[in-house]
Structure formats: structure tokens, C-alpha cells
């Protein structure tokens, strides 16, 4: 069962995000355009933000503590949210 957490509904992404759980970094492949990836903890605090290009990108998460996070993707193709588990 994939239920929303804190009223946030996860969406199907038009690009690939892996691995999940992630350790040290995660990858975003086939991103539709230049944009931004931001990582938020469950309290809504922004922990990381990185500009990304169209295509394939890696996002370093080695400084984040283990746990569940929300990753927001902003691009010309829209705004997307994804749950990510970090196990550094």
C-alpha cells in the first residue's frame, strides 16, 4: 500500500530516480530540462538543493542523515515530488 505521507501524494515520474534506498548519492536520468532538485526532511526543512541539467545527473547526499526524505524536482516540464530513503 502506497499511502500519502503527511498529505503528500507521490507521483509517477517522467524520468528515472535510483537507487532507493540511496547511499552517498542518487541518480536522476532522462531529466526533461534544466532545473533544480531539492531534498527536504519530513519536517519540511530544506536540506539540499542542486541545479541540474537536461539528461543524466547525480546528486550527492553523503552529508544527510539516514531517514526518509522528499525530493522535489522543478523543471520546464513541471514540478514533481518523490520519496527517497537515505542509508549513508
PDB file of N, CA and C in Angstrom:
ATOM      1  N   UNK A   1       0.860  -1.185   0.000  1.00  0.00           N
ATOM      2  CA  UNK A   1       0.000   0.000   0.000  1.00  0.00           C
ATOM      3  C   UNK A   1       0.887   1.222   0.000  1.00  0.00           C
ATOM      4  N   UNK A   2       0.667   2.092  -0.964  1.00  0.00           N
ATOM      5  CA  UNK A   2       1.445   3.325  -1.075  1.00  0.00           C
ATOM      6  C   UNK A   2       0.545   4.494  -0.708  1.00  0.00           C
ATOM      7  N   UNK A   3       0.474   4.787   0.580  1.00  0.00           N
ATOM      8  CA  UNK A   3      -0.397   5.854   1.068  1.00  0.00           C
ATOM      9  C   UNK A   3       0.371   7.156   1.173  1.00  0.00           C
ATOM     10  N   UNK A   4      -0.318   8.283   1.007  1.00  0.00           N
ATOM     11  CA  UNK A   4       0.355   9.572   1.152  1.00  0.00           C
ATOM     12  C   UNK A   4       0.879   9.758   2.568  1.00  0.00           C
ATOM     13  N   UNK A   5       2.025  10.411   2.686  1.00  0.00           N
ATOM     14  CA  UNK A   5       2.614  10.739   3.976  1.00  0.00           C
ATOM     15  C   UNK A   5       2.431  12.230   4.200  1.00  0.00           C
ATOM     16  N   UNK A   6       1.860  12.592   5.311  1.00  0.00           N
ATOM     17  CA  UNK A   6       1.622  13.998   5.649  1.00  0.00           C
ATOM     18  C   UNK A   6       0.857  14.722   4.542  1.00  0.00           C
ATOM     19  N   UNK A   7      -0.089  14.033   3.905  1.00  0.00           N
ATOM     20  CA  UNK A   7      -0.909  14.666   2.882  1.00  0.00           C
ATOM     21  C   UNK A   7      -0.206  14.863   1.562  1.00  0.00           C
ATOM     22  N   UNK A   8       0.977  14.270   1.368  1.00  0.00           N
ATOM     23  CA  UNK A   8       1.719  14.432   0.127  1.00  0.00           C
ATOM     24  C   UNK A   8       1.542  13.182  -0.711  1.00  0.00           C
ATOM     25  N   UNK A   9       1.039  13.328  -1.910  1.00  0.00           N
ATOM     26  CA  UNK A   9       0.838  12.196  -2.814  1.00  0.00           C
ATOM     27  C   UNK A   9       2.029  12.072  -3.746  1.00  0.00           C
ATOM     28  N   UNK A  10       2.665  10.905  -3.751  1.00  0.00           N
ATOM     29  CA  UNK A  10       3.791  10.683  -4.656  1.00  0.00           C
ATOM     30  C   UNK A  10       3.263  10.480  -6.072  1.00  0.00           C
ATOM     31  N   UNK A  11       3.998  10.996  -7.042  1.00  0.00           N
ATOM     32  CA  UNK A  11       3.581  10.947  -8.436  1.00  0.00           C
ATOM     33  C   UNK A  11       4.476  10.004  -9.224  1.00  0.00           C
ATOM     34  N   UNK A  12       3.945   9.489 -10.342  1.00  0.00           N
ATOM     35  CA  UNK A  12       4.794   8.793 -11.296  1.00  0.00           C
ATOM     36  C   UNK A  12       5.685   9.837 -11.947  1.00  0.00           C
ATOM     37  N   UNK A  13       6.963   9.538 -12.036  1.00  0.00           N
ATOM     38  CA  UNK A  13       7.917  10.497 -12.579  1.00  0.00           C
ATOM     39  C   UNK A  13       8.175  10.212 -14.061  1.00  0.00           C
ATOM     40  N   UNK A  14       8.305  11.249 -14.876  1.00  0.00           N
ATOM     41  CA  UNK A  14       8.618  11.051 -16.295  1.00  0.00           C
ATOM     42  C   UNK A  14      10.122  10.882 -16.528  1.00  0.00           C
ATOM     43  N   UNK A  15      10.872  10.613 -15.472  1.00  0.00           N
ATOM     44  CA  UNK A  15      12.320  10.395 -15.537  1.00  0.00           C
ATOM     45  C   UNK A  15      12.659   9.371 -14.459  1.00  0.00           C
ATOM     46  N   UNK A  16      13.885   8.864 -14.466  1.00  0.00           N
ATOM     47  CA  UNK A  16      14.288   7.808 -13.547  1.00  0.00           C
ATOM     48  C   UNK A  16      15.050   8.373 -12.353  1.00  0.00           C
ATOM     49  N   UNK A  17      14.727   7.878 -11.148  1.00  0.00           N
ATOM     50  CA  UNK A  17      15.434   8.230  -9.919  1.00  0.00           C
ATOM     51  C   UNK A  17      15.834   6.917  -9.242  1.00  0.00           C
ATOM     52  N   UNK A  18      17.131   6.746  -9.005  1.00  0.00           N
ATOM     53  CA  UNK A  18      17.609   5.498  -8.394  1.00  0.00           C
ATOM     54  C   UNK A  18      18.969   5.718  -7.764  1.00  0.00           C
ATOM     55  N   UNK A  19      19.455   4.844  -6.878  1.00  0.00           N
ATOM     56  CA  UNK A  19      18.706   3.768  -6.233  1.00  0.00           C
ATOM     57  C   UNK A  19      17.855   4.317  -5.093  1.00  0.00           C
ATOM     58  N   UNK A  20      16.971   3.513  -4.600  1.00  0.00           N
ATOM     59  CA  UNK A  20      16.144   3.882  -3.466  1.00  0.00           C
ATOM     60  C   UNK A  20      15.907   2.625  -2.651  1.00  0.00           C
ATOM     61  N   UNK A  21      16.551   2.450  -1.509  1.00  0.00           N
ATOM     62  CA  UNK A  21      17.321   3.429  -0.744  1.00  0.00           C
ATOM     63  C   UNK A  21      18.647   3.796  -1.413  1.00  0.00           C
ATOM     64  N   UNK A  22      19.123   4.996  -1.078  1.00  0.00           N
ATOM     65  CA  UNK A  22      20.360   5.523  -1.641  1.00  0.00           C
ATOM     66  C   UNK A  22      21.399   5.723  -0.554  1.00  0.00           C
ATOM     67  N   UNK A  23      22.664   5.638  -0.958  1.00  0.00           N
ATOM     68  CA  UNK A  23      23.784   5.843  -0.045  1.00  0.00           C
ATOM     69  C   UNK A  23      24.846   6.666  -0.761  1.00  0.00           C
ATOM     70  N   UNK A  24      25.131   7.857  -0.242  1.00  0.00           N
ATOM     71  CA  UNK A  24      26.177   8.695  -0.822  1.00  0.00           C
ATOM     72  C   UNK A  24      25.717   9.573  -1.967  1.00  0.00           C
ATOM     73  N   UNK A  25      24.924   9.005  -2.876  1.00  0.00           N
ATOM     74  CA  UNK A  25      24.385   9.776  -3.994  1.00  0.00           C
ATOM     75  C   UNK A  25      23.212   9.019  -4.599  1.00  0.00           C
ATOM     76  N   UNK A  26      22.396   9.757  -5.336  1.00  0.00           N
ATOM     77  CA  UNK A  26      21.371   9.116  -6.146  1.00  0.00           C
ATOM     78  C   UNK A  26      21.422   9.744  -7.526  1.00  0.00           C
ATOM     79  N   UNK A  27      20.805   9.091  -8.466  1.00  0.00           N
ATOM     80  CA  UNK A  27      20.896   9.497  -9.862  1.00  0.00           C
ATOM     81  C   UNK A  27      19.529   9.860 -10.410  1.00  0.00           C
ATOM     82  N   UNK A  28      19.529  10.864 -11.271  1.00  0.00           N
ATOM     83  CA  UNK A  28      18.331  11.293 -11.975  1.00  0.00           C
ATOM     84  C   UNK A  28      18.664  11.195 -13.459  1.00  0.00           C
ATOM     85  N   UNK A  29      18.030  10.266 -14.143  1.00  0.00           N
ATOM     86  CA  UNK A  29      18.302  10.062 -15.565  1.00  0.00           C
ATOM     87  C   UNK A  29      17.112  10.492 -16.409  1.00  0.00           C
ATOM     88  N   UNK A  30      17.407  10.997 -17.584  1.00  0.00           N
ATOM     89  CA  UNK A  30      16.396  11.453 -18.549  1.00  0.00           C
ATOM     90  C   UNK A  30      15.596  12.646 -18.037  1.00  0.00           C
ATOM     91  N   UNK A  31      16.256  13.517 -17.245  1.00  0.00           N
ATOM     92  CA  UNK A  31      15.570  14.720 -16.751  1.00  0.00           C
ATOM     93  C   UNK A  31      15.208  15.585 -17.954  1.00  0.00           C
ATOM     94  N   UNK A  32      13.982  16.124 -18.003  1.00  0.00           N
ATOM     95  CA  UNK A  32      13.496  16.758 -19.223  1.00  0.00           C
ATOM     96  C   UNK A  32      14.130  18.095 -19.605  1.00  0.00           C
ATOM     97  N   UNK A  33      14.652  18.848 -18.634  1.00  0.00           N
ATOM     98  CA  UNK A  33      15.215  20.169 -18.948  1.00  0.00           C
ATOM     99  C   UNK A  33      16.088  20.617 -17.784  1.00  0.00           C
ATOM    100  N   UNK A  34      16.729  21.771 -17.930  1.00  0.00           N
ATOM    101  CA  UNK A  34      17.441  22.326 -16.783  1.00  0.00           C
ATOM    102  C   UNK A  34      16.439  22.593 -15.670  1.00  0.00           C
ATOM    103  N   UNK A  35      16.903  22.492 -14.427  1.00  0.00           N
ATOM    104  CA  UNK A  35      16.001  22.723 -13.310  1.00  0.00           C
ATOM    105  C   UNK A  35      16.722  22.605 -11.993  1.00  0.00           C
ATOM    106  N   UNK A  36      15.959  22.292 -10.957  1.00  0.00           N
ATOM    107  CA  UNK A  36      16.514  22.182  -9.613  1.00  0.00           C
ATOM    108  C   UNK A  36      15.962  20.944  -8.920  1.00  0.00           C
ATOM    109  N   UNK A  37      16.828  20.304  -8.141  1.00  0.00           N
ATOM    110  CA  UNK A  37      16.437  19.202  -7.278  1.00  0.00           C
ATOM    111  C   UNK A  37      16.670  19.665  -5.847  1.00  0.00           C
ATOM    112  N   UNK A  38      15.654  19.557  -5.011  1.00  0.00           N
ATOM    113  CA  UNK A  38      15.762  19.955  -3.608  1.00  0.00           C
ATOM    114  C   UNK A  38      15.323  18.788  -2.729  1.00  0.00           C
ATOM    115  N   UNK A  39      16.070  18.557  -1.641  1.00  0.00           N
ATOM    116  CA  UNK A  39      15.780  17.471  -0.718  1.00  0.00           C
ATOM    117  C   UNK A  39      15.290  18.070   0.590  1.00  0.00           C
ATOM    118  N   UNK A  40      14.141  17.571   1.077  1.00  0.00           N
ATOM    119  CA  UNK A  40      13.518  18.051   2.305  1.00  0.00           C
ATOM    120  C   UNK A  40      13.380  16.913   3.301  1.00  0.00           C
ATOM    121  N   UNK A  41      13.603  17.210   4.582  1.00  0.00           N
ATOM    122  CA  UNK A  41      13.338  16.204   5.607  1.00  0.00           C
ATOM    123  C   UNK A  41      11.834  16.165   5.877  1.00  0.00           C
ATOM    124  N   UNK A  42      11.403  15.248   6.731  1.00  0.00           N
ATOM    125  CA  UNK A  42       9.975  15.070   6.976  1.00  0.00           C
ATOM    126  C   UNK A  42       9.340  16.246   7.702  1.00  0.00           C
ATOM    127  N   UNK A  43      10.165  17.113   8.296  1.00  0.00           N
ATOM    128  CA  UNK A  43       9.649  18.324   8.946  1.00  0.00           C
ATOM    129  C   UNK A  43       9.481  19.465   7.960  1.00  0.00           C
ATOM    130  N   UNK A  44       9.891  19.233   6.707  1.00  0.00           N
ATOM    131  CA  UNK A  44       9.759  20.267   5.681  1.00  0.00           C
ATOM    132  C   UNK A  44      10.963  21.175   5.569  1.00  0.00           C
ATOM    133  N   UNK A  45      12.057  20.852   6.273  1.00  0.00           N
ATOM    134  CA  UNK A  45      13.267  21.667   6.198  1.00  0.00           C
ATOM    135  C   UNK A  45      14.069  21.293   4.957  1.00  0.00           C
ATOM    136  N   UNK A  46      14.450  22.303   4.206  1.00  0.00           N
ATOM    137  CA  UNK A  46      15.257  22.078   3.011  1.00  0.00           C
ATOM    138  C   UNK A  46      16.678  21.722   3.432  1.00  0.00           C
ATOM    139  N   UNK A  47      17.139  20.553   3.045  1.00  0.00           N
ATOM    140  CA  UNK A  47      18.454  20.066   3.444  1.00  0.00           C
ATOM    141  C   UNK A  47      19.493  20.158   2.352  1.00  0.00           C
ATOM    142  N   UNK A  48      19.050  20.237   1.096  1.00  0.00           N
ATOM    143  CA  UNK A  48      19.979  20.229  -0.018  1.00  0.00           C
ATOM    144  C   UNK A  48      19.262  20.746  -1.255  1.00  0.00           C
ATOM    145  N   UNK A  49      19.976  21.482  -2.076  1.00  0.00           N
ATOM    146  CA  UNK A  49      19.433  21.910  -3.372  1.00  0.00           C
ATOM    147  C   UNK A  49      20.568  21.913  -4.374  1.00  0.00           C
ATOM    148  N   UNK A  50      20.248  21.495  -5.581  1.00  0.00           N
ATOM    149  CA  UNK A  50      21.267  21.432  -6.626  1.00  0.00           C
ATOM    150  C   UNK A  50      20.624  21.718  -7.977  1.00  0.00           C
ATOM    151  N   UNK A  51      21.297  22.544  -8.771  1.00  0.00           N
ATOM    152  CA  UNK A  51      20.873  22.779 -10.141  1.00  0.00           C
ATOM    153  C   UNK A  51      21.229  21.546 -10.969  1.00  0.00           C
ATOM    154  N   UNK A  52      20.339  21.164 -11.873  1.00  0.00           N
ATOM    155  CA  UNK A  52      20.585  20.008 -12.726  1.00  0.00           C
ATOM    156  C   UNK A  52      20.363  20.392 -14.175  1.00  0.00           C
ATOM    157  N   UNK A  53      20.948  19.607 -15.049  1.00  0.00           N
ATOM    158  CA  UNK A  53      20.809  19.838 -16.483  1.00  0.00           C
ATOM    159  C   UNK A  53      19.864  18.803 -17.076  1.00  0.00           C
ATOM    160  N   UNK A  54      19.462  19.033 -18.298  1.00  0.00           N
ATOM    161  CA  UNK A  54      18.665  18.035 -19.006  1.00  0.00           C
ATOM    162  C   UNK A  54      19.514  16.787 -19.192  1.00  0.00           C
ATOM    163  N   UNK A  55      18.897  15.625 -19.079  1.00  0.00           N
ATOM    164  CA  UNK A  55      19.636  14.380 -19.258  1.00  0.00           C
ATOM    165  C   UNK A  55      19.915  13.702 -17.933  1.00  0.00           C
ATOM    166  N   UNK A  56      21.165  13.244 -17.749  1.00  0.00           N
ATOM    167  CA  UNK A  56      21.542  12.442 -16.585  1.00  0.00           C
ATOM    168  C   UNK A  56      22.317  13.268 -15.568  1.00  0.00           C
ATOM    169  N   UNK A  57      21.976  13.102 -14.280  1.00  0.00           N
ATOM    170  CA  UNK A  57      22.594  13.864 -13.190  1.00  0.00           C
ATOM    171  C   UNK A  57      22.817  12.968 -11.989  1.00  0.00           C
ATOM    172  N   UNK A  58      23.813  13.329 -11.165  1.00  0.00           N
ATOM    173  CA  UNK A  58      23.993  12.665  -9.871  1.00  0.00           C
ATOM    174  C   UNK A  58      23.876  13.719  -8.779  1.00  0.00           C
ATOM    175  N   UNK A  59      23.258  13.333  -7.669  1.00  0.00           N
ATOM    176  CA  UNK A  59      23.019  14.234  -6.549  1.00  0.00           C
ATOM    177  C   UNK A  59      23.722  13.649  -5.326  1.00  0.00           C
ATOM    178  N   UNK A  60      24.695  14.372  -4.768  1.00  0.00           N
ATOM    179  CA  UNK A  60      25.423  13.913  -3.592  1.00  0.00           C
ATOM    180  C   UNK A  60      24.612  14.116  -2.336  1.00  0.00           C
ATOM    181  N   UNK A  61      24.453  13.041  -1.552  1.00  0.00           N
ATOM    182  CA  UNK A  61      23.669  13.103  -0.319  1.00  0.00           C
ATOM    183  C   UNK A  61      24.459  12.574   0.877  1.00  0.00           C
ATOM    184  N   UNK A  62      25.774  12.507   0.747  1.00  0.00           N
ATOM    185  CA  UNK A  62      26.620  11.939   1.793  1.00  0.00           C
ATOM    186  C   UNK A  62      26.574  12.677   3.115  1.00  0.00           C
ATOM    187  N   UNK A  63      26.168  13.942   3.108  1.00  0.00           N
ATOM    188  CA  UNK A  63      26.129  14.737   4.343  1.00  0.00           C
ATOM    189  C   UNK A  63      24.798  14.605   5.086  1.00  0.00           C
ATOM    190  N   UNK A  64      23.817  13.928   4.485  1.00  0.00           N
ATOM    191  CA  UNK A  64      22.499  13.802   5.107  1.00  0.00           C
ATOM    192  C   UNK A  64      22.433  12.564   5.998  1.00  0.00           C
ATOM    193  N   UNK A  65      21.666  12.679   7.085  1.00  0.00           N
ATOM    194  CA  UNK A  65      21.485  11.558   7.998  1.00  0.00           C
ATOM    195  C   UNK A  65      20.543  10.526   7.387  1.00  0.00           C
ATOM    196  N   UNK A  66      20.664   9.300   7.864  1.00  0.00           N
ATOM    197  CA  UNK A  66      19.761   8.245   7.417  1.00  0.00           C
ATOM    198  C   UNK A  66      18.321   8.636   7.715  1.00  0.00           C
ATOM    199  N   UNK A  67      17.416   8.250   6.825  1.00  0.00           N
ATOM    200  CA  UNK A  67      15.999   8.507   7.042  1.00  0.00           C
ATOM    201  C   UNK A  67      15.257   8.670   5.741  1.00  0.00           C
ATOM    202  N   UNK A  68      13.985   9.031   5.862  1.00  0.00           N
ATOM    203  CA  UNK A  68      13.153   9.269   4.690  1.00  0.00           C
ATOM    204  C   UNK A  68      13.112  10.763   4.398  1.00  0.00           C
ATOM    205  N   UNK A  69      13.169  11.086   3.111  1.00  0.00           N
ATOM    206  CA  UNK A  69      13.168  12.468   2.646  1.00  0.00           C
ATOM    207  C   UNK A  69      12.204  12.601   1.480  1.00  0.00           C
ATOM    208  N   UNK A  70      11.825  13.837   1.201  1.00  0.00           N
ATOM    209  CA  UNK A  70      11.085  14.155  -0.015  1.00  0.00           C
ATOM    210  C   UNK A  70      12.043  14.883  -0.949  1.00  0.00           C
ATOM    211  N   UNK A  71      12.029  14.495  -2.191  1.00  0.00           N
ATOM    212  CA  UNK A  71      12.854  15.146  -3.203  1.00  0.00           C
ATOM    213  C   UNK A  71      11.909  15.862  -4.159  1.00  0.00           C
ATOM    214  N   UNK A  72      12.068  17.176  -4.286  1.00  0.00           N
ATOM    215  CA  UNK A  72      11.268  17.972  -5.211  1.00  0.00           C
ATOM    216  C   UNK A  72      12.085  18.253  -6.456  1.00  0.00           C
ATOM    217  N   UNK A  73      11.467  18.039  -7.594  1.00  0.00           N
ATOM    218  CA  UNK A  73      12.093  18.280  -8.895  1.00  0.00           C
ATOM    219  C   UNK A  73      11.336  19.401  -9.580  1.00  0.00           C
ATOM    220  N   UNK A  74      12.052  20.453  -9.959  1.00  0.00           N
ATOM    221  CA  UNK A  74      11.461  21.585 -10.676  1.00  0.00           C
ATOM    222  C   UNK A  74      12.126  21.678 -12.043  1.00  0.00           C
ATOM    223  N   UNK A  75      11.317  21.709 -13.089  1.00  0.00           N
ATOM    224  CA  UNK A  75      11.858  21.848 -14.442  1.00  0.00           C
ATOM    225  C   UNK A  75      10.822  22.535 -15.318  1.00  0.00           C
ATOM    226  N   UNK A  76      11.199  22.792 -16.556  1.00  0.00           N
ATOM    227  CA  UNK A  76      10.238  23.348 -17.507  1.00  0.00           C
ATOM    228  C   UNK A  76       9.087  22.378 -17.739  1.00  0.00           C
ATOM    229  N   UNK A  77       9.327  21.085 -17.468  1.00  0.00           N
ATOM    230  CA  UNK A  77       8.302  20.062 -17.646  1.00  0.00           C
ATOM    231  C   UNK A  77       7.340  19.956 -16.485  1.00  0.00           C
ATOM    232  N   UNK A  78       7.556  20.743 -15.432  1.00  0.00           N
ATOM    233  CA  UNK A  78       6.643  20.720 -14.301  1.00  0.00           C
ATOM    234  C   UNK A  78       7.358  20.531 -12.980  1.00  0.00           C
ATOM    235  N   UNK A  79       6.562  20.251 -11.960  1.00  0.00           N
ATOM    236  CA  UNK A  79       7.049  20.063 -10.605  1.00  0.00           C
ATOM    237  C   UNK A  79       6.655  18.661 -10.152  1.00  0.00           C
ATOM    238  N   UNK A  80       7.609  17.947  -9.552  1.00  0.00           N
ATOM    239  CA  UNK A  80       7.380  16.566  -9.150  1.00  0.00           C
ATOM    240  C   UNK A  80       7.950  16.334  -7.759  1.00  0.00           C
ATOM    241  N   UNK A  81       7.368  15.387  -7.035  1.00  0.00           N
ATOM    242  CA  UNK A  81       7.846  15.031  -5.695  1.00  0.00           C
ATOM    243  C   UNK A  81       8.013  13.515  -5.633  1.00  0.00           C
ATOM    244  N   UNK A  82       9.095  13.101  -4.936  1.00  0.00           N
ATOM    245  CA  UNK A  82       9.413  11.676  -4.838  1.00  0.00           C
ATOM    246  C   UNK A  82       9.933  11.382  -3.437  1.00  0.00           C
ATOM    247  N   UNK A  83       9.552  10.244  -2.863  1.00  0.00           N
ATOM    248  CA  UNK A  83      10.083   9.826  -1.557  1.00  0.00           C
ATOM    249  C   UNK A  83      11.421   9.122  -1.777  1.00  0.00           C
ATOM    250  N   UNK A  84      12.395   9.430  -0.924  1.00  0.00           N
ATOM    251  CA  UNK A  84      13.714   8.817  -1.016  1.00  0.00           C
ATOM    252  C   UNK A  84      14.157   8.399   0.372  1.00  0.00           C
ATOM    253  N   UNK A  85      14.651   7.168   0.492  1.00  0.00           N
ATOM    254  CA  UNK A  85      15.215   6.695   1.746  1.00  0.00           C
ATOM    255  C   UNK A  85      16.728   6.773   1.623  1.00  0.00           C
ATOM    256  N   UNK A  86      17.357   7.401   2.615  1.00  0.00           N
ATOM    257  CA  UNK A  86      18.824   7.542   2.622  1.00  0.00           C
ATOM    258  C   UNK A  86      19.402   6.659   3.708  1.00  0.00           C
ATOM    259  N   UNK A  87      20.384   5.851   3.312  1.00  0.00           N
ATOM    260  CA  UNK A  87      21.124   4.991   4.246  1.00  0.00           C
ATOM    261  C   UNK A  87      22.606   5.192   3.969  1.00  0.00           C
ATOM    262  N   UNK A  88      23.195   6.221   4.568  1.00  0.00           N
ATOM    263  CA  UNK A  88      24.616   6.523   4.348  1.00  0.00           C
ATOM    264  C   UNK A  88      25.502   5.677   5.227  1.00  0.00           C
TER     265      UNK A  88
END
